[in-house]
């Protein structure tokens, strides 16, 4: 009897020790291949730079590629939650994938930090989206920046061409609403798929409307397709892109046809051009230094910075969650969700994050600047 009691006690101590030393498991799904690869690859590279210990606890990152495909993204998340027992999900890269993942993480009561842009990912904060946070600036924030620049530079009429998916629809919804409020006339509304090889028909329709400016609502290298078509057809108005193109691959693919293009972006894109008084400069430069140390000078993109910011939010929330529960439990996942929602004034590469029960992005106007493409590089518009 004494032997049995001693054995049970030993087993109990072993389990207690295991629970006390449980690792934090982080599931990651990014679009490292497919049409959004130019966004997902720097995100994947960035995950490798995130801390492997937080508040004394070991952190494991389990990274999967969803190939820019919605079905694969959902499959990845189900695997990460059911098989790998992760405490939190980071991803995905693009809006359609992130939207599709919401039902899965909500059902599993597992917090998720998306690296995709659409406000629809986190708004409105309901029973499902209470588990979801994101790091990229909202469409509405960036739409306001674009329209302010347009109206300050004599634009009266504007045409829109965007992806034929949730990214394009979200942008049109937000941009047209702000345009209407600012008395900017929308004269055309066209769509194209991420995998299209021609947009001649859409471009001809837009040019027939004779807009002063065009907004292309795409992301990554596919957004270069309509831009090049406009240049080939001799369009002389102003061309605007979204923050979805803020990487060197877009510059490479678009080439000289990008010259003069305006877009809103996170401060990290032009961190070296920011005044020292800018509240985001220090944290943006920190990310740039670490990424370039690993991948070479000039290799940074804003998309990798969205991945970095997801890690910053996680690192800021974990110490608070650990006070309530141990990793690997539903109590820890709930505590981590609560901690993310309670973050205040957290400096990151793209801005200063302050979350609340009604705001699961938490960025303000410190998270945006306007830039122009000049001589194949990003130039801060002052």
Protein backbone atom coordinates (compact mmCIF):
# COMPACT_ATOMS: atom_id res chain seq x y z
CA UNK A 1 0.00 0.00 0.00
CA UNK A 2 2.85 2.36 0.89
CA UNK A 3 4.57 1.53 -2.44
CA UNK A 4 1.37 2.26 -4.35
CA UNK A 5 0.91 5.54 -2.48
CA UNK A 6 4.50 6.56 -3.15
CA UNK A 7 4.14 5.68 -6.84
CA UNK A 8 0.95 7.72 -7.20
CA UNK A 9 2.59 10.65 -5.46
CA UNK A 10 5.56 10.47 -7.81
CA UNK A 11 3.27 10.39 -10.84
CA UNK A 12 1.35 13.35 -9.46
CA UNK A 13 4.56 15.32 -9.00
CA UNK A 14 5.65 14.46 -12.53
CA UNK A 15 2.38 15.73 -13.97
CA UNK A 16 2.61 18.86 -11.87
CA UNK A 17 6.15 19.50 -13.07
CA UNK A 18 5.10 18.98 -16.68
CA UNK A 19 2.18 21.40 -16.28
CA UNK A 20 4.42 23.97 -14.62
CA UNK A 21 6.91 23.77 -17.47
CA UNK A 22 4.40 23.59 -20.33
CA UNK A 23 5.62 25.36 -23.47
CA UNK A 24 3.64 28.05 -25.23
CA UNK A 25 2.74 26.64 -28.65
CA UNK A 26 2.09 29.16 -31.41
CA UNK A 27 0.43 28.02 -34.64
CA UNK A 28 1.28 30.02 -37.75
CA UNK A 29 -0.25 29.84 -41.23
CA UNK A 30 1.10 32.16 -43.93
CA UNK A 31 0.86 32.37 -47.71
CA UNK A 32 4.47 31.48 -48.49
CA UNK A 33 3.55 30.22 -51.97
CA UNK A 34 0.83 31.13 -54.47
CA UNK A 35 -0.25 34.64 -55.60
CA UNK A 36 0.41 36.17 -52.18
CA UNK A 37 3.90 34.69 -51.77
CA UNK A 38 5.59 38.10 -51.91
CA UNK A 39 3.65 38.93 -48.75
CA UNK A 40 3.88 35.58 -47.00
CA UNK A 41 7.59 34.88 -47.46
CA UNK A 42 8.79 37.89 -45.41
CA UNK A 43 6.18 37.00 -42.78
CA UNK A 44 7.54 33.46 -42.60
CA UNK A 45 11.09 34.83 -42.40
CA UNK A 46 10.04 37.14 -39.59
CA UNK A 47 8.49 34.39 -37.48
CA UNK A 48 11.99 32.89 -37.23
CA UNK A 49 13.13 36.14 -35.56
CA UNK A 50 10.49 36.12 -32.81
CA UNK A 51 11.56 35.35 -29.21
CA UNK A 52 11.84 31.69 -28.22
CA UNK A 53 11.13 32.52 -24.58
CA UNK A 54 8.54 34.91 -23.15
CA UNK A 55 8.35 35.64 -19.42
CA UNK A 56 10.58 32.62 -18.79
CA UNK A 57 8.40 30.21 -20.78
CA UNK A 58 9.66 28.41 -23.89
CA UNK A 59 7.79 29.31 -27.08
CA UNK A 60 7.42 26.91 -30.02
CA UNK A 61 6.36 28.24 -33.44
CA UNK A 62 4.71 25.71 -35.74
CA UNK A 63 4.68 27.27 -39.22
CA UNK A 64 2.54 26.02 -42.13
CA UNK A 65 2.08 27.30 -45.68
CA UNK A 66 -1.49 27.79 -46.91
CA UNK A 67 -0.39 28.54 -50.51
CA UNK A 68 -2.67 31.63 -50.65
CA UNK A 69 -5.63 29.24 -50.62
CA UNK A 70 -8.65 29.61 -48.34
CA UNK A 71 -9.32 25.87 -48.01
CA UNK A 72 -5.69 25.19 -47.10
CA UNK A 73 -5.72 27.97 -44.51
CA UNK A 74 -8.74 26.45 -42.76
CA UNK A 75 -7.18 22.99 -42.93
CA UNK A 76 -3.95 24.33 -41.40
CA UNK A 77 -5.77 25.98 -38.52
CA UNK A 78 -7.78 22.85 -37.75
CA UNK A 79 -4.55 20.83 -37.65
CA UNK A 80 -2.74 23.34 -35.48
CA UNK A 81 -5.59 23.43 -32.97
CA UNK A 82 -6.59 19.76 -32.87
CA UNK A 83 -3.22 18.03 -33.35
CA UNK A 84 -0.60 20.54 -32.20
CA UNK A 85 -2.74 21.93 -29.37
CA UNK A 86 -1.61 25.51 -29.97
CA UNK A 87 -2.42 28.33 -27.58
CA UNK A 88 -2.75 31.00 -30.28
CA UNK A 89 -2.89 31.33 -34.07
CA UNK A 90 -0.88 33.88 -36.07
CA UNK A 91 -2.09 34.46 -39.64
CA UNK A 92 -3.10 34.27 -42.30
CA UNK A 93 -1.45 36.58 -44.80
CA UNK A 94 -4.49 37.56 -46.87
CA UNK A 95 -8.04 38.66 -46.13
CA UNK A 96 -10.03 35.75 -47.66
CA UNK A 97 -7.99 33.20 -45.71
CA UNK A 98 -8.24 35.12 -42.45
CA UNK A 99 -12.00 35.52 -42.77
CA UNK A 100 -12.40 31.80 -43.40
CA UNK A 101 -10.38 30.96 -40.28
CA UNK A 102 -12.61 32.90 -37.88
CA UNK A 103 -15.24 30.19 -37.40
CA UNK A 104 -12.55 27.62 -36.56
CA UNK A 105 -10.74 29.68 -33.93
CA UNK A 106 -14.00 30.88 -32.38
CA UNK A 107 -15.31 27.32 -32.07
CA UNK A 108 -12.04 26.26 -30.43
CA UNK A 109 -11.90 29.38 -28.21
CA UNK A 110 -8.36 30.07 -29.43
CA UNK A 111 -7.12 33.64 -29.98
CA UNK A 112 -5.95 34.59 -33.45
CA UNK A 113 -3.81 37.51 -34.64
CA UNK A 114 -4.27 38.06 -38.37
CA UNK A 115 -1.67 39.64 -40.67
CA UNK A 116 -4.33 40.63 -43.26
CA UNK A 117 -5.76 44.09 -43.82
CA UNK A 118 -9.54 44.10 -44.12
CA UNK A 119 -11.51 45.66 -41.28
CA UNK A 120 -14.05 42.86 -41.74
CA UNK A 121 -11.64 40.50 -39.98
CA UNK A 122 -12.19 42.24 -36.65
CA UNK A 123 -15.33 44.33 -37.12
CA UNK A 124 -17.80 44.23 -35.56
CA UNK A 125 -16.45 42.54 -32.42
CA UNK A 126 -19.11 39.86 -31.91
CA UNK A 127 -19.16 36.42 -30.24
CA UNK A 128 -16.84 35.03 -32.93
CA UNK A 129 -14.59 37.99 -33.64
CA UNK A 130 -13.94 38.55 -29.94
CA UNK A 131 -11.24 35.89 -30.45
CA UNK A 132 -9.67 37.70 -33.42
CA UNK A 133 -7.13 40.53 -33.53
CA UNK A 134 -5.01 41.88 -36.40
CA UNK A 135 -1.91 43.96 -37.05
CA UNK A 136 -2.27 45.67 -40.50
CA UNK A 137 -3.91 49.08 -40.72
CA UNK A 138 -7.62 49.09 -41.60
CA UNK A 139 -8.86 49.95 -45.08
CA UNK A 140 -10.72 52.95 -43.67
CA UNK A 141 -7.55 54.44 -42.15
CA UNK A 142 -5.66 54.10 -45.40
CA UNK A 143 -8.64 55.23 -47.52
CA UNK A 144 -8.76 58.45 -45.53
CA UNK A 145 -5.05 59.04 -46.15
CA UNK A 146 -5.47 58.50 -49.90
CA UNK A 147 -8.51 60.75 -50.21
CA UNK A 148 -6.88 63.51 -48.18
CA UNK A 149 -3.97 63.40 -50.59
CA UNK A 150 -6.30 63.36 -53.62
CA UNK A 151 -8.39 66.32 -52.49
CA UNK A 152 -5.27 68.29 -51.56
CA UNK A 153 -3.90 67.73 -55.07
CA UNK A 154 -6.85 68.70 -57.24
CA UNK A 155 -8.46 65.29 -57.82
CA UNK A 156 -12.21 65.61 -58.43
CA UNK A 157 -13.07 62.25 -60.03
CA UNK A 158 -11.65 58.82 -59.27
CA UNK A 159 -12.00 55.29 -60.68
CA UNK A 160 -11.58 52.09 -58.72
CA UNK A 161 -10.22 48.69 -59.77
CA UNK A 162 -9.66 46.01 -57.15
CA UNK A 163 -9.37 42.30 -56.49
CA UNK A 164 -12.56 40.32 -57.06
CA UNK A 165 -12.46 38.97 -53.50
CA UNK A 166 -12.91 40.19 -49.94
CA UNK A 167 -9.85 42.44 -50.16
CA UNK A 168 -11.18 44.36 -53.15
CA UNK A 169 -14.74 44.47 -51.80
CA UNK A 170 -13.60 45.70 -48.40
CA UNK A 171 -11.52 48.44 -49.96
CA UNK A 172 -14.34 49.59 -52.25
CA UNK A 173 -16.78 49.69 -49.36
CA UNK A 174 -14.49 51.81 -47.20
CA UNK A 175 -13.02 53.99 -49.94
CA UNK A 176 -16.35 54.84 -51.60
CA UNK A 177 -17.86 55.79 -48.24
CA UNK A 178 -15.02 58.21 -47.43
CA UNK A 179 -15.03 59.53 -51.03
CA UNK A 180 -18.74 60.28 -50.82
CA UNK A 181 -18.28 62.11 -47.54
CA UNK A 182 -15.48 64.21 -49.06
CA UNK A 183 -17.49 64.96 -52.26
CA UNK A 184 -15.08 62.99 -54.46
CA UNK A 185 -16.95 61.52 -57.44
CA UNK A 186 -16.54 57.80 -58.22
CA UNK A 187 -16.81 57.31 -62.01
CA UNK A 188 -15.93 53.60 -62.42
CA UNK A 189 -15.76 50.39 -60.39
CA UNK A 190 -13.97 47.35 -61.86
CA UNK A 191 -12.58 44.03 -60.57
CA UNK A 192 -9.88 41.50 -61.47
CA UNK A 193 -8.70 38.17 -60.03
CA UNK A 194 -5.34 37.70 -58.35
CA UNK A 195 -4.42 35.13 -61.02
CA UNK A 196 -5.56 37.14 -64.10
CA UNK A 197 -3.07 37.77 -66.88
CA UNK A 198 -4.95 40.61 -68.59
CA UNK A 199 -7.15 43.51 -67.45
CA UNK A 200 -7.43 45.28 -70.81
CA UNK A 201 -11.23 45.38 -70.80
CA UNK A 202 -11.43 46.86 -67.32
CA UNK A 203 -8.73 49.44 -68.05
CA UNK A 204 -10.42 50.58 -71.27
CA UNK A 205 -13.72 51.09 -69.43
CA UNK A 206 -11.99 53.16 -66.77
CA UNK A 207 -10.11 55.29 -69.27
CA UNK A 208 -13.36 55.98 -71.12
CA UNK A 209 -14.68 57.54 -67.90
CA UNK A 210 -11.71 59.96 -67.89
CA UNK A 211 -11.00 60.03 -64.14
CA UNK A 212 -8.47 62.39 -62.60
CA UNK A 213 -7.06 59.46 -60.62
CA UNK A 214 -7.29 55.70 -60.25
CA UNK A 215 -7.08 53.60 -57.09
CA UNK A 216 -5.83 50.03 -57.58
CA UNK A 217 -6.94 47.91 -54.63
CA UNK A 218 -4.70 44.87 -54.88
CA UNK A 219 -1.83 43.37 -52.93
CA UNK A 220 1.56 41.95 -53.80
CA UNK A 221 2.82 41.52 -57.33
CA UNK A 222 -0.65 40.90 -58.93
CA UNK A 223 -1.44 44.57 -58.25
CA UNK A 224 1.18 45.52 -60.86
CA UNK A 225 -0.98 44.12 -63.69
CA UNK A 226 -3.51 46.99 -63.96
CA UNK A 227 -0.83 49.59 -63.27
CA UNK A 228 1.23 48.41 -66.24
CA UNK A 229 -1.91 48.28 -68.39
CA UNK A 230 -2.76 51.90 -67.56
CA UNK A 231 0.74 53.01 -68.49
CA UNK A 232 0.68 51.03 -71.74
CA UNK A 233 -2.61 52.73 -72.68
CA UNK A 234 -1.21 56.18 -71.97
CA UNK A 235 -3.16 57.07 -68.84
CA UNK A 236 -1.87 60.42 -67.55
CA UNK A 237 -3.86 60.80 -64.34
CA UNK A 238 -2.61 60.05 -60.84
CA UNK A 239 -2.35 56.38 -59.84
CA UNK A 240 -2.75 55.25 -56.24
CA UNK A 241 -2.14 51.80 -54.76
CA UNK A 242 -2.97 50.44 -51.32
CA UNK A 243 -0.55 49.44 -48.57
CA UNK A 244 -0.91 45.92 -49.98
CA UNK A 245 1.93 46.58 -52.46
CA UNK A 246 4.54 47.92 -50.06
CA UNK A 247 7.37 45.49 -50.82
CA UNK A 248 10.36 45.25 -53.12
CA UNK A 249 8.84 42.47 -55.22
CA UNK A 250 6.11 44.86 -56.34
CA UNK A 251 8.73 47.44 -57.32
CA UNK A 252 10.65 44.79 -59.25
CA UNK A 253 7.63 43.49 -61.17
CA UNK A 254 6.08 46.89 -61.87
CA UNK A 255 9.39 48.52 -62.79
CA UNK A 256 9.30 51.92 -64.48
CA UNK A 257 5.52 51.76 -64.75
CA UNK A 258 5.35 52.43 -60.99
CA UNK A 259 7.11 55.77 -61.13
CA UNK A 260 5.08 58.51 -59.48
CA UNK A 261 2.59 56.17 -57.82
CA UNK A 262 1.21 57.22 -54.42
CA UNK A 263 0.20 54.90 -51.59
CA UNK A 264 -0.39 54.93 -47.84
CA UNK A 265 1.90 52.72 -45.80
CA UNK A 266 3.03 51.89 -42.31
CA UNK A 267 5.94 54.00 -41.00
CA UNK A 268 8.32 51.03 -41.17
CA UNK A 269 8.48 51.36 -44.98
CA UNK A 270 10.32 54.70 -44.71
CA UNK A 271 11.61 54.51 -41.14
CA UNK A 272 14.98 56.00 -42.05
CA UNK A 273 13.22 59.08 -43.48
CA UNK A 274 11.12 59.73 -40.36
CA UNK A 275 12.13 62.47 -37.92
CA UNK A 276 13.53 61.22 -34.63
CA UNK A 277 10.46 62.68 -32.92
CA UNK A 278 8.17 60.19 -34.67
CA UNK A 279 6.86 57.84 -31.93
CA UNK A 280 7.12 54.76 -34.16
CA UNK A 281 10.63 55.29 -35.51
CA UNK A 282 12.54 53.53 -32.72
CA UNK A 283 10.44 50.34 -32.78
CA UNK A 284 10.35 50.30 -36.59
CA UNK A 285 14.14 50.59 -36.81
CA UNK A 286 14.50 47.76 -34.28
CA UNK A 287 12.60 45.40 -36.59
CA UNK A 288 14.47 46.56 -39.69
CA UNK A 289 17.84 46.00 -37.99
CA UNK A 290 16.95 42.44 -36.99
CA UNK A 291 15.45 41.49 -40.35
CA UNK A 292 18.31 42.96 -42.39
CA UNK A 293 20.89 41.28 -40.14
CA UNK A 294 19.33 37.96 -41.17
CA UNK A 295 18.38 38.65 -44.79
CA UNK A 296 20.52 41.52 -46.05
CA UNK A 297 20.25 45.27 -46.42
CA UNK A 298 17.13 46.48 -48.21
CA UNK A 299 15.29 43.18 -47.72
CA UNK A 300 12.58 44.50 -45.37
CA UNK A 301 8.93 44.72 -46.41
CA UNK A 302 5.91 46.00 -44.55
CA UNK A 303 4.38 42.52 -44.63
CA UNK A 304 7.14 40.98 -42.60
CA UNK A 305 6.59 43.83 -40.15
CA UNK A 306 2.94 42.74 -39.75
CA UNK A 307 4.30 39.36 -38.68
CA UNK A 308 6.73 41.06 -36.30
CA UNK A 309 3.92 43.09 -34.77
CA UNK A 310 1.89 39.94 -34.15
CA UNK A 311 4.86 38.69 -32.14
CA UNK A 312 5.13 42.00 -30.28
CA UNK A 313 1.46 41.79 -29.27
CA UNK A 314 1.90 38.19 -28.16
CA UNK A 315 4.99 39.00 -26.10
CA UNK A 316 3.15 41.88 -24.43
CA UNK A 317 0.07 39.78 -23.58
CA UNK A 318 1.66 36.51 -22.41
CA UNK A 319 3.03 37.75 -19.03
CA UNK A 320 -0.48 38.89 -18.01
CA UNK A 321 -2.07 35.62 -19.18
CA UNK A 322 0.50 33.54 -17.27
CA UNK A 323 -0.69 35.09 -14.01
CA UNK A 324 -4.05 33.39 -14.52
CA UNK A 325 -3.27 30.03 -16.13
CA UNK A 326 -0.64 27.72 -17.59
CA UNK A 327 -0.06 27.23 -21.35
CA UNK A 328 -1.81 24.31 -22.97
CA UNK A 329 -5.11 24.91 -21.21
CA UNK A 330 -8.39 26.51 -22.25
CA UNK A 331 -7.99 28.84 -19.29
CA UNK A 332 -4.69 30.11 -20.69
CA UNK A 333 -6.21 30.68 -24.13
CA UNK A 334 -9.03 32.68 -22.57
CA UNK A 335 -6.60 34.65 -20.41
CA UNK A 336 -4.42 35.37 -23.46
CA UNK A 337 -7.46 36.68 -25.36
CA UNK A 338 -8.32 38.95 -22.45
CA UNK A 339 -4.72 40.15 -22.18
CA UNK A 340 -4.55 41.01 -25.89
CA UNK A 341 -7.76 42.99 -25.57
CA UNK A 342 -6.31 44.93 -22.66
CA UNK A 343 -3.02 46.02 -24.28
CA UNK A 344 -2.25 49.75 -24.03
CA UNK A 345 0.33 51.86 -25.90
CA UNK A 346 2.44 48.96 -27.17
CA UNK A 347 5.09 50.23 -29.63
CA UNK A 348 5.63 48.05 -32.70
CA UNK A 349 7.03 48.32 -36.22
CA UNK A 350 3.85 49.76 -37.77
CA UNK A 351 2.45 51.86 -34.95
CA UNK A 352 1.37 52.05 -31.33
CA UNK A 353 -1.27 49.46 -30.37
CA UNK A 354 -4.04 50.13 -27.85
CA UNK A 355 -6.76 47.47 -27.87
CA UNK A 356 -10.22 47.55 -26.30
CA UNK A 357 -13.37 45.37 -26.23
CA UNK A 358 -14.59 47.25 -29.33
CA UNK A 359 -11.27 47.69 -31.13
CA UNK A 360 -9.18 44.61 -31.96
CA UNK A 361 -6.75 46.50 -34.21
CA UNK A 362 -5.80 49.33 -31.87
CA UNK A 363 -3.89 51.53 -34.32
CA UNK A 364 -4.39 55.28 -34.68
CA UNK A 365 -3.09 57.80 -37.21
CA UNK A 366 0.48 57.28 -35.97
CA UNK A 367 0.36 54.06 -38.00
CA UNK A 368 0.22 55.64 -41.45
CA UNK A 369 2.26 57.82 -43.78
CA UNK A 370 1.91 58.68 -47.47
CA UNK A 371 4.73 57.64 -49.78
CA UNK A 372 5.51 58.00 -53.48
CA UNK A 373 7.55 55.71 -55.71
CA UNK A 374 10.49 57.74 -57.01
CA UNK A 375 13.44 56.29 -58.94
CA UNK A 376 12.37 52.78 -58.00
CA UNK A 377 12.31 53.52 -54.26
CA UNK A 378 9.89 54.61 -51.53
CA UNK A 379 9.89 58.33 -50.75
CA UNK A 380 8.11 59.83 -47.75
CA UNK A 381 5.57 62.47 -48.78
CA UNK A 382 5.93 65.31 -46.29
